[in-house]
């Protein structure tokens, strides 16, 4: 048996990709595979999917790739001649999968300040930090603090009152306990709070923040950031105006703060599990293109 790669694939909301219709549970096969040219494409790192299919217009699924395999060097995109479409994954699921992806690739001999280093705190009030790229940090005890500061870092706080933070590019942060706090400050970061009364924050460019439990809050404070939540959760969104079109989007001088808005997800005026952004002072649903 050849290599089987577990990966994640983005689709349009109707489960099409490049005009090809896919279905969950089905298997597909092509003759050749070459990244960005032919074959079935998916990403090993879950958050890499966000660069190809944005959350407002897309759905994501676990997949298995096999047959002829072709990879690229600048991210974890993989092309294959065979693909099996697995279960759908939520944004919270992508965040957790990103954390697991990073943990699985940690080098046992690496220090916490080196690439692929791992840090873990299991006791109450424990503190865990990983500062290298692809670092994994986890705090499982109550009141634990977890932080991943390198690019593609993964941070998780699973105990009650836990605090989780990912500050690097495409960082993943998750807080699952009661009154947990999750923050992703890097560009294209993803943050998820699944516990009751949890707080999720995304402050980087095009960040995504999700409140997956009632009485929790999702904050989308970065430029062009989006937030969504379940019924009875709260969304906080900020609006920024681009004032320098020649500057890079991640530069502070590129943007000027305009205002903010806080709303409750009531299921009517503000729909549940629907991405929103703030534009011209009004809450705007990010509709399908």
C-alpha atoms as a PDB file:
ATOM      1  CA  UNK A   1       0.000   0.000   0.000  1.00  0.00           C
ATOM      2  CA  UNK A   2       1.286   3.443  -0.912  1.00  0.00           C
ATOM      3  CA  UNK A   3       1.444   6.532   1.268  1.00  0.00           C
ATOM      4  CA  UNK A   4      -1.857   7.818   2.693  1.00  0.00           C
ATOM      5  CA  UNK A   5      -1.867  11.456   3.750  1.00  0.00           C
ATOM      6  CA  UNK A   6      -4.423  12.900   6.149  1.00  0.00           C
ATOM      7  CA  UNK A   7      -5.221  16.423   5.004  1.00  0.00           C
ATOM      8  CA  UNK A   8      -7.908  19.098   4.931  1.00  0.00           C
ATOM      9  CA  UNK A   9      -9.662  20.485   1.882  1.00  0.00           C
ATOM     10  CA  UNK A  10     -11.703  23.634   1.321  1.00  0.00           C
ATOM     11  CA  UNK A  11     -14.721  23.771  -0.965  1.00  0.00           C
ATOM     12  CA  UNK A  12     -17.321  26.257  -2.053  1.00  0.00           C
ATOM     13  CA  UNK A  13     -20.421  25.933   0.128  1.00  0.00           C
ATOM     14  CA  UNK A  14     -22.024  23.612  -2.435  1.00  0.00           C
ATOM     15  CA  UNK A  15     -18.956  21.352  -2.156  1.00  0.00           C
ATOM     16  CA  UNK A  16     -17.599  22.249  -5.556  1.00  0.00           C
ATOM     17  CA  UNK A  17     -13.947  23.008  -6.224  1.00  0.00           C
ATOM     18  CA  UNK A  18     -12.862  24.333  -9.617  1.00  0.00           C
ATOM     19  CA  UNK A  19     -16.286  23.414 -11.025  1.00  0.00           C
ATOM     20  CA  UNK A  20     -15.967  19.788  -9.913  1.00  0.00           C
ATOM     21  CA  UNK A  21     -18.722  18.462  -7.644  1.00  0.00           C
ATOM     22  CA  UNK A  22     -17.623  16.472  -4.598  1.00  0.00           C
ATOM     23  CA  UNK A  23     -19.653  14.512  -2.050  1.00  0.00           C
ATOM     24  CA  UNK A  24     -18.861  13.491   1.501  1.00  0.00           C
ATOM     25  CA  UNK A  25     -17.880   9.841   1.777  1.00  0.00           C
ATOM     26  CA  UNK A  26     -17.012   9.483  -1.927  1.00  0.00           C
ATOM     27  CA  UNK A  27     -13.631   8.588  -3.453  1.00  0.00           C
ATOM     28  CA  UNK A  28     -12.221  10.089  -6.643  1.00  0.00           C
ATOM     29  CA  UNK A  29      -9.263   9.351  -8.909  1.00  0.00           C
ATOM     30  CA  UNK A  30      -7.297  11.126 -11.663  1.00  0.00           C
ATOM     31  CA  UNK A  31      -4.394  10.014 -13.826  1.00  0.00           C
ATOM     32  CA  UNK A  32      -1.751  12.596 -12.797  1.00  0.00           C
ATOM     33  CA  UNK A  33      -0.934  14.841  -9.850  1.00  0.00           C
ATOM     34  CA  UNK A  34       1.187  17.993  -9.843  1.00  0.00           C
ATOM     35  CA  UNK A  35       0.672  20.823  -7.356  1.00  0.00           C
ATOM     36  CA  UNK A  36      -1.155  23.832  -8.803  1.00  0.00           C
ATOM     37  CA  UNK A  37      -1.541  21.994 -12.111  1.00  0.00           C
ATOM     38  CA  UNK A  38      -3.489  18.728 -11.885  1.00  0.00           C
ATOM     39  CA  UNK A  39      -4.786  16.202  -9.391  1.00  0.00           C
ATOM     40  CA  UNK A  40      -6.771  16.633  -6.193  1.00  0.00           C
ATOM     41  CA  UNK A  41      -5.477  19.343  -3.876  1.00  0.00           C
ATOM     42  CA  UNK A  42      -5.642  19.638  -0.085  1.00  0.00           C
ATOM     43  CA  UNK A  43      -3.473  20.934   2.793  1.00  0.00           C
ATOM     44  CA  UNK A  44      -1.781  18.983   5.565  1.00  0.00           C
ATOM     45  CA  UNK A  45      -1.786  22.009   7.875  1.00  0.00           C
ATOM     46  CA  UNK A  46      -5.481  22.797   8.495  1.00  0.00           C
ATOM     47  CA  UNK A  47      -5.048  26.593   8.572  1.00  0.00           C
ATOM     48  CA  UNK A  48      -3.385  26.604   5.138  1.00  0.00           C
ATOM     49  CA  UNK A  49      -6.888  25.928   3.782  1.00  0.00           C
ATOM     50  CA  UNK A  50      -7.920  29.447   4.803  1.00  0.00           C
ATOM     51  CA  UNK A  51      -5.499  30.923   2.263  1.00  0.00           C
ATOM     52  CA  UNK A  52      -7.334  29.194  -0.580  1.00  0.00           C
ATOM     53  CA  UNK A  53     -10.941  29.131   0.675  1.00  0.00           C
ATOM     54  CA  UNK A  54     -12.012  31.875   3.080  1.00  0.00           C
ATOM     55  CA  UNK A  55     -14.461  30.931   5.863  1.00  0.00           C
ATOM     56  CA  UNK A  56     -17.235  33.262   4.716  1.00  0.00           C
ATOM     57  CA  UNK A  57     -17.794  31.392   1.472  1.00  0.00           C
ATOM     58  CA  UNK A  58     -16.454  27.923   2.159  1.00  0.00           C
ATOM     59  CA  UNK A  59     -16.741  24.609   3.965  1.00  0.00           C
ATOM     60  CA  UNK A  60     -13.915  22.329   5.028  1.00  0.00           C
ATOM     61  CA  UNK A  61     -13.581  18.545   5.170  1.00  0.00           C
ATOM     62  CA  UNK A  62     -11.079  15.987   6.329  1.00  0.00           C
ATOM     63  CA  UNK A  63      -9.666  14.024   3.390  1.00  0.00           C
ATOM     64  CA  UNK A  64      -7.321  11.139   2.693  1.00  0.00           C
ATOM     65  CA  UNK A  65      -4.911  11.482  -0.234  1.00  0.00           C
ATOM     66  CA  UNK A  66      -3.096   8.607  -1.873  1.00  0.00           C
ATOM     67  CA  UNK A  67      -1.740   7.337  -5.177  1.00  0.00           C
ATOM     68  CA  UNK A  68       0.757   9.629  -6.916  1.00  0.00           C
ATOM     69  CA  UNK A  69       1.710  12.472  -4.527  1.00  0.00           C
ATOM     70  CA  UNK A  70       3.111  15.918  -5.341  1.00  0.00           C
ATOM     71  CA  UNK A  71       4.032  18.548  -2.731  1.00  0.00           C
ATOM     72  CA  UNK A  72       5.132  22.181  -2.763  1.00  0.00           C
ATOM     73  CA  UNK A  73       7.757  23.873  -0.596  1.00  0.00           C
ATOM     74  CA  UNK A  74       6.117  27.152   0.464  1.00  0.00           C
ATOM     75  CA  UNK A  75       3.172  25.618   2.358  1.00  0.00           C
ATOM     76  CA  UNK A  76       1.625  22.200   3.040  1.00  0.00           C
ATOM     77  CA  UNK A  77      -0.438  21.978  -0.147  1.00  0.00           C
ATOM     78  CA  UNK A  78      -0.515  18.442  -1.577  1.00  0.00           C
ATOM     79  CA  UNK A  79      -1.738  17.138  -4.931  1.00  0.00           C
ATOM     80  CA  UNK A  80      -2.714  13.478  -5.331  1.00  0.00           C
ATOM     81  CA  UNK A  81      -4.258  11.182  -7.912  1.00  0.00           C
ATOM     82  CA  UNK A  82      -6.665   9.701  -5.332  1.00  0.00           C
ATOM     83  CA  UNK A  83      -8.759  11.401  -2.664  1.00  0.00           C
ATOM     84  CA  UNK A  84     -11.418  10.300  -0.179  1.00  0.00           C
ATOM     85  CA  UNK A  85     -13.736  12.984   1.243  1.00  0.00           C
ATOM     86  CA  UNK A  86     -14.301  12.676   4.982  1.00  0.00           C
ATOM     87  CA  UNK A  87     -16.380  14.546   7.544  1.00  0.00           C
ATOM     88  CA  UNK A  88     -17.001  18.277   7.562  1.00  0.00           C
ATOM     89  CA  UNK A  89     -14.881  20.341   9.974  1.00  0.00           C
ATOM     90  CA  UNK A  90     -15.919  23.598  11.675  1.00  0.00           C
ATOM     91  CA  UNK A  91     -13.578  26.543  12.302  1.00  0.00           C
ATOM     92  CA  UNK A  92     -13.208  25.326  15.881  1.00  0.00           C
ATOM     93  CA  UNK A  93     -12.377  21.916  14.439  1.00  0.00           C
ATOM     94  CA  UNK A  94      -9.737  23.417  12.163  1.00  0.00           C
ATOM     95  CA  UNK A  95      -8.158  25.202  15.112  1.00  0.00           C
ATOM     96  CA  UNK A  96      -8.038  22.009  17.154  1.00  0.00           C
ATOM     97  CA  UNK A  97      -6.728  20.062  14.155  1.00  0.00           C
ATOM     98  CA  UNK A  98      -3.994  22.675  13.697  1.00  0.00           C
ATOM     99  CA  UNK A  99      -2.993  22.210  17.321  1.00  0.00           C
ATOM    100  CA  UNK A 100      -2.850  18.432  16.897  1.00  0.00           C
ATOM    101  CA  UNK A 101      -0.939  18.800  13.610  1.00  0.00           C
ATOM    102  CA  UNK A 102       1.703  20.873  15.362  1.00  0.00           C
ATOM    103  CA  UNK A 103       1.928  18.567  18.376  1.00  0.00           C
ATOM    104  CA  UNK A 104       2.448  15.524  16.151  1.00  0.00           C
ATOM    105  CA  UNK A 105       5.435  17.171  14.471  1.00  0.00           C
ATOM    106  CA  UNK A 106       7.147  18.398  17.591  1.00  0.00           C
ATOM    107  CA  UNK A 107      10.784  17.327  17.895  1.00  0.00           C
ATOM    108  CA  UNK A 108      11.362  15.694  21.298  1.00  0.00           C
ATOM    109  CA  UNK A 109      14.916  17.040  21.420  1.00  0.00           C
ATOM    110  CA  UNK A 110      13.895  20.645  20.570  1.00  0.00           C
ATOM    111  CA  UNK A 111      13.781  23.334  23.238  1.00  0.00           C
ATOM    112  CA  UNK A 112      10.631  25.417  23.658  1.00  0.00           C
ATOM    113  CA  UNK A 113      12.345  28.373  21.945  1.00  0.00           C
ATOM    114  CA  UNK A 114      13.346  26.319  18.897  1.00  0.00           C
ATOM    115  CA  UNK A 115      11.267  25.451  15.837  1.00  0.00           C
ATOM    116  CA  UNK A 116       8.932  22.500  16.458  1.00  0.00           C
ATOM    117  CA  UNK A 117       9.491  22.790  20.205  1.00  0.00           C
ATOM    118  CA  UNK A 118       6.752  21.714  22.632  1.00  0.00           C
ATOM    119  CA  UNK A 119       5.709  23.010  26.034  1.00  0.00           C
ATOM    120  CA  UNK A 120       3.025  21.621  28.313  1.00  0.00           C
ATOM    121  CA  UNK A 121       1.660  22.484  31.750  1.00  0.00           C
ATOM    122  CA  UNK A 122      -0.774  19.994  33.282  1.00  0.00           C
ATOM    123  CA  UNK A 123      -1.272  21.288  36.819  1.00  0.00           C
ATOM    124  CA  UNK A 124      -3.616  24.016  38.035  1.00  0.00           C
ATOM    125  CA  UNK A 125      -2.217  27.536  37.519  1.00  0.00           C
ATOM    126  CA  UNK A 126       0.451  26.129  35.232  1.00  0.00           C
ATOM    127  CA  UNK A 127       2.135  28.247  32.541  1.00  0.00           C
ATOM    128  CA  UNK A 128       3.235  26.908  29.152  1.00  0.00           C
ATOM    129  CA  UNK A 129       5.017  28.759  26.351  1.00  0.00           C
ATOM    130  CA  UNK A 130       6.455  27.833  22.942  1.00  0.00           C
ATOM    131  CA  UNK A 131       8.249  30.594  21.041  1.00  0.00           C
ATOM    132  CA  UNK A 132       9.685  28.844  17.972  1.00  0.00           C
ATOM    133  CA  UNK A 133       7.924  28.431  14.618  1.00  0.00           C
ATOM    134  CA  UNK A 134       5.513  25.469  14.569  1.00  0.00           C
ATOM    135  CA  UNK A 135       5.735  25.323  18.341  1.00  0.00           C
ATOM    136  CA  UNK A 136       3.006  23.648  20.399  1.00  0.00           C
ATOM    137  CA  UNK A 137       1.940  24.902  23.797  1.00  0.00           C
ATOM    138  CA  UNK A 138      -0.730  23.352  25.987  1.00  0.00           C
ATOM    139  CA  UNK A 139      -2.141  24.072  29.443  1.00  0.00           C
ATOM    140  CA  UNK A 140      -4.614  21.488  30.707  1.00  0.00           C
ATOM    141  CA  UNK A 141      -5.073  22.443  34.352  1.00  0.00           C
ATOM    142  CA  UNK A 142      -7.573  24.959  35.729  1.00  0.00           C
ATOM    143  CA  UNK A 143      -6.389  28.578  35.461  1.00  0.00           C
ATOM    144  CA  UNK A 144      -3.550  27.463  33.173  1.00  0.00           C
ATOM    145  CA  UNK A 145      -1.872  29.818  30.681  1.00  0.00           C
ATOM    146  CA  UNK A 146      -0.653  28.726  27.260  1.00  0.00           C
ATOM    147  CA  UNK A 147       1.171  30.790  24.645  1.00  0.00           C
ATOM    148  CA  UNK A 148       2.606  30.130  21.171  1.00  0.00           C
ATOM    149  CA  UNK A 149       4.416  33.111  19.646  1.00  0.00           C
ATOM    150  CA  UNK A 150       6.097  31.682  16.532  1.00  0.00           C
ATOM    151  CA  UNK A 151       4.568  31.438  13.050  1.00  0.00           C
ATOM    152  CA  UNK A 152       2.155  28.502  12.674  1.00  0.00           C
ATOM    153  CA  UNK A 153       2.218  28.075  16.446  1.00  0.00           C
ATOM    154  CA  UNK A 154      -0.573  26.180  18.200  1.00  0.00           C
ATOM    155  CA  UNK A 155      -1.821  27.038  21.675  1.00  0.00           C
ATOM    156  CA  UNK A 156      -4.507  25.279  23.673  1.00  0.00           C
ATOM    157  CA  UNK A 157      -6.021  25.816  27.129  1.00  0.00           C
ATOM    158  CA  UNK A 158      -8.477  23.100  28.129  1.00  0.00           C
ATOM    159  CA  UNK A 159      -9.014  23.752  31.831  1.00  0.00           C
ATOM    160  CA  UNK A 160     -11.571  26.100  33.384  1.00  0.00           C
ATOM    161  CA  UNK A 161     -10.455  29.756  33.371  1.00  0.00           C
ATOM    162  CA  UNK A 162      -7.614  28.833  31.034  1.00  0.00           C
ATOM    163  CA  UNK A 163      -5.921  31.412  28.789  1.00  0.00           C
ATOM    164  CA  UNK A 164      -4.588  30.583  25.337  1.00  0.00           C
ATOM    165  CA  UNK A 165      -2.722  32.894  22.965  1.00  0.00           C
ATOM    166  CA  UNK A 166      -1.214  32.495  19.477  1.00  0.00           C
ATOM    167  CA  UNK A 167       0.585  35.588  18.168  1.00  0.00           C
ATOM    168  CA  UNK A 168       2.389  34.372  15.049  1.00  0.00           C
ATOM    169  CA  UNK A 169       1.305  34.254  11.399  1.00  0.00           C
ATOM    170  CA  UNK A 170      -1.479  31.672  10.918  1.00  0.00           C
ATOM    171  CA  UNK A 171      -1.429  30.799  14.599  1.00  0.00           C
ATOM    172  CA  UNK A 172      -4.178  28.648  16.101  1.00  0.00           C
ATOM    173  CA  UNK A 173      -5.587  29.271  19.570  1.00  0.00           C
ATOM    174  CA  UNK A 174      -8.305  27.336  21.375  1.00  0.00           C
ATOM    175  CA  UNK A 175      -9.911  27.628  24.817  1.00  0.00           C
ATOM    176  CA  UNK A 176     -12.381  24.872  25.673  1.00  0.00           C
ATOM    177  CA  UNK A 177     -12.950  25.262  29.415  1.00  0.00           C
ATOM    178  CA  UNK A 178     -15.474  27.331  31.371  1.00  0.00           C
ATOM    179  CA  UNK A 179     -14.661  31.058  31.070  1.00  0.00           C
ATOM    180  CA  UNK A 180     -11.638  30.264  28.913  1.00  0.00           C
ATOM    181  CA  UNK A 181      -9.940  33.027  26.912  1.00  0.00           C
ATOM    182  CA  UNK A 182      -8.502  32.480  23.438  1.00  0.00           C
ATOM    183  CA  UNK A 183      -6.585  35.029  21.369  1.00  0.00           C
ATOM    184  CA  UNK A 184      -5.005  34.993  17.901  1.00  0.00           C
ATOM    185  CA  UNK A 185      -3.162  38.218  17.088  1.00  0.00           C
ATOM    186  CA  UNK A 186      -1.195  37.243  13.980  1.00  0.00           C
ATOM    187  CA  UNK A 187      -2.372  37.765  10.402  1.00  0.00           C
ATOM    188  CA  UNK A 188      -4.778  35.048   9.186  1.00  0.00           C
ATOM    189  CA  UNK A 189      -4.931  33.650  12.712  1.00  0.00           C
ATOM    190  CA  UNK A 190      -7.865  31.551  13.927  1.00  0.00           C
ATOM    191  CA  UNK A 191      -9.297  31.663  17.435  1.00  0.00           C
ATOM    192  CA  UNK A 192     -12.049  29.561  18.976  1.00  0.00           C
ATOM    193  CA  UNK A 193     -13.772  29.538  22.373  1.00  0.00           C
ATOM    194  CA  UNK A 194     -15.989  26.494  22.906  1.00  0.00           C
ATOM    195  CA  UNK A 195     -16.543  26.612  26.662  1.00  0.00           C
ATOM    196  CA  UNK A 196     -19.419  28.360  28.430  1.00  0.00           C
ATOM    197  CA  UNK A 197     -18.722  32.091  28.976  1.00  0.00           C
ATOM    198  CA  UNK A 198     -15.555  31.792  26.873  1.00  0.00           C
ATOM    199  CA  UNK A 199     -13.924  34.667  24.982  1.00  0.00           C
ATOM    200  CA  UNK A 200     -12.349  34.417  21.535  1.00  0.00           C
ATOM    201  CA  UNK A 201     -10.356  37.239  19.936  1.00  0.00           C
ATOM    202  CA  UNK A 202      -8.740  37.720  16.514  1.00  0.00           C
ATOM    203  CA  UNK A 203      -6.853  40.996  16.114  1.00  0.00           C
ATOM    204  CA  UNK A 204      -4.686  40.316  13.049  1.00  0.00           C
ATOM    205  CA  UNK A 205      -5.459  41.080   9.408  1.00  0.00           C
ATOM    206  CA  UNK A 206      -8.307  38.869   8.141  1.00  0.00           C
ATOM    207  CA  UNK A 207      -8.455  37.016  11.437  1.00  0.00           C
ATOM    208  CA  UNK A 208     -11.365  34.690  12.241  1.00  0.00           C
ATOM    209  CA  UNK A 209     -12.986  34.519  15.656  1.00  0.00           C
ATOM    210  CA  UNK A 210     -15.699  32.044  16.614  1.00  0.00           C
ATOM    211  CA  UNK A 211     -17.887  31.748  19.721  1.00  0.00           C
ATOM    212  CA  UNK A 212     -19.027  28.139  19.835  1.00  0.00           C
ATOM    213  CA  UNK A 213     -21.036  28.276  23.072  1.00  0.00           C
ATOM    214  CA  UNK A 214     -23.901  30.436  24.325  1.00  0.00           C
ATOM    215  CA  UNK A 215     -22.891  33.264  26.653  1.00  0.00           C
ATOM    216  CA  UNK A 216     -19.475  33.369  24.999  1.00  0.00           C
ATOM    217  CA  UNK A 217     -18.050  36.261  22.967  1.00  0.00           C
ATOM    218  CA  UNK A 218     -16.161  36.411  19.669  1.00  0.00           C
ATOM    219  CA  UNK A 219     -14.092  39.534  18.983  1.00  0.00           C
ATOM    220  CA  UNK A 220     -12.952  40.388  15.445  1.00  0.00           C
ATOM    221  CA  UNK A 221     -10.791  43.454  15.968  1.00  0.00           C
ATOM    222  CA  UNK A 222      -8.312  43.306  13.101  1.00  0.00           C
ATOM    223  CA  UNK A 223      -8.704  44.858   9.636  1.00  0.00           C
ATOM    224  CA  UNK A 224     -11.131  42.838   7.499  1.00  0.00           C
ATOM    225  CA  UNK A 225     -11.600  40.383  10.367  1.00  0.00           C
ATOM    226  CA  UNK A 226     -14.763  38.310  10.746  1.00  0.00           C
ATOM    227  CA  UNK A 227     -16.694  36.842  13.668  1.00  0.00           C
ATOM    228  CA  UNK A 228     -19.504  34.358  14.078  1.00  0.00           C
ATOM    229  CA  UNK A 229     -21.285  32.683  16.944  1.00  0.00           C
ATOM    230  CA  UNK A 230     -24.035  30.360  18.057  1.00  0.00           C
ATOM    231  CA  UNK A 231     -27.374  31.669  19.310  1.00  0.00           C
ATOM    232  CA  UNK A 232     -27.143  33.785  22.477  1.00  0.00           C
ATOM    233  CA  UNK A 233     -23.429  34.462  21.993  1.00  0.00           C
ATOM    234  CA  UNK A 234     -22.036  37.986  21.493  1.00  0.00           C
ATOM    235  CA  UNK A 235     -20.006  39.403  18.610  1.00  0.00           C
ATOM    236  CA  UNK A 236     -17.702  42.419  18.813  1.00  0.00           C
ATOM    237  CA  UNK A 237     -16.403  43.821  15.531  1.00  0.00           C
ATOM    238  CA  UNK A 238     -14.135  46.707  14.571  1.00  0.00           C
ATOM    239  CA  UNK A 239     -13.960  48.679  11.331  1.00  0.00           C
ATOM    240  CA  UNK A 240     -10.720  49.930   9.822  1.00  0.00           C
ATOM    241  CA  UNK A 241     -10.091  52.151   6.799  1.00  0.00           C
ATOM    242  CA  UNK A 242      -7.089  51.580   4.578  1.00  0.00           C
ATOM    243  CA  UNK A 243      -5.297  54.934   4.359  1.00  0.00           C
ATOM    244  CA  UNK A 244      -2.115  53.877   2.570  1.00  0.00           C
ATOM    245  CA  UNK A 245      -2.636  51.608  -0.423  1.00  0.00           C
ATOM    246  CA  UNK A 246       1.102  51.401  -1.046  1.00  0.00           C
ATOM    247  CA  UNK A 247       1.940  49.996   2.391  1.00  0.00           C
ATOM    248  CA  UNK A 248       1.804  46.280   3.173  1.00  0.00           C
ATOM    249  CA  UNK A 249      -1.497  45.211   4.724  1.00  0.00           C
ATOM    250  CA  UNK A 250       0.146  44.095   7.986  1.00  0.00           C
ATOM    251  CA  UNK A 251       1.804  47.495   8.595  1.00  0.00           C
ATOM    252  CA  UNK A 252       0.187  49.576  11.334  1.00  0.00           C
ATOM    253  CA  UNK A 253       0.293  52.743   9.243  1.00  0.00           C
ATOM    254  CA  UNK A 254      -1.798  51.059   6.548  1.00  0.00           C
ATOM    255  CA  UNK A 255      -4.993  51.245   8.605  1.00  0.00           C
ATOM    256  CA  UNK A 256      -6.955  53.814  10.598  1.00  0.00           C
ATOM    257  CA  UNK A 257      -9.524  52.797  13.207  1.00  0.00           C
ATOM    258  CA  UNK A 258     -13.083  53.888  12.318  1.00  0.00           C
ATOM    259  CA  UNK A 259     -15.339  52.401  14.994  1.00  0.00           C
ATOM    260  CA  UNK A 260     -16.741  49.275  16.612  1.00  0.00           C
ATOM    261  CA  UNK A 261     -20.023  47.486  17.261  1.00  0.00           C
ATOM    262  CA  UNK A 262     -21.240  44.842  19.714  1.00  0.00           C
ATOM    263  CA  UNK A 263     -24.265  42.667  18.883  1.00  0.00           C
ATOM    264  CA  UNK A 264     -26.085  39.659  20.293  1.00  0.00           C
ATOM    265  CA  UNK A 265     -26.705  36.622  18.097  1.00  0.00           C
ATOM    266  CA  UNK A 266     -30.498  36.303  18.343  1.00  0.00           C
ATOM    267  CA  UNK A 267     -31.009  33.983  15.383  1.00  0.00           C
ATOM    268  CA  UNK A 268     -33.145  36.576  13.575  1.00  0.00           C
ATOM    269  CA  UNK A 269     -31.522  39.964  13.018  1.00  0.00           C
ATOM    270  CA  UNK A 270     -28.149  38.418  13.679  1.00  0.00           C
ATOM    271  CA  UNK A 271     -28.001  34.860  12.355  1.00  0.00           C
ATOM    272  CA  UNK A 272     -26.193  32.073  14.153  1.00  0.00           C
ATOM    273  CA  UNK A 273     -23.140  30.421  12.600  1.00  0.00           C
ATOM    274  CA  UNK A 274     -22.927  33.204  10.006  1.00  0.00           C
ATOM    275  CA  UNK A 275     -19.807  35.271   9.380  1.00  0.00           C
ATOM    276  CA  UNK A 276     -20.109  39.019   9.898  1.00  0.00           C
ATOM    277  CA  UNK A 277     -17.853  42.005   9.394  1.00  0.00           C
ATOM    278  CA  UNK A 278     -18.305  45.727  10.083  1.00  0.00           C
ATOM    279  CA  UNK A 279     -18.570  48.116   7.147  1.00  0.00           C
ATOM    280  CA  UNK A 280     -19.707  51.749   7.051  1.00  0.00           C
ATOM    281  CA  UNK A 281     -20.717  51.464  10.678  1.00  0.00           C
ATOM    282  CA  UNK A 282     -23.131  48.632  10.032  1.00  0.00           C
ATOM    283  CA  UNK A 283     -23.031  44.916  10.676  1.00  0.00           C
ATOM    284  CA  UNK A 284     -22.643  43.221   7.320  1.00  0.00           C
ATOM    285  CA  UNK A 285     -23.246  39.552   6.595  1.00  0.00           C
ATOM    286  CA  UNK A 286     -20.474  38.196   4.419  1.00  0.00           C
ATOM    287  CA  UNK A 287     -22.542  36.707   1.633  1.00  0.00           C
ATOM    288  CA  UNK A 288     -21.576  34.059  -0.862  1.00  0.00           C
ATOM    289  CA  UNK A 289     -19.879  35.332  -3.980  1.00  0.00           C
END
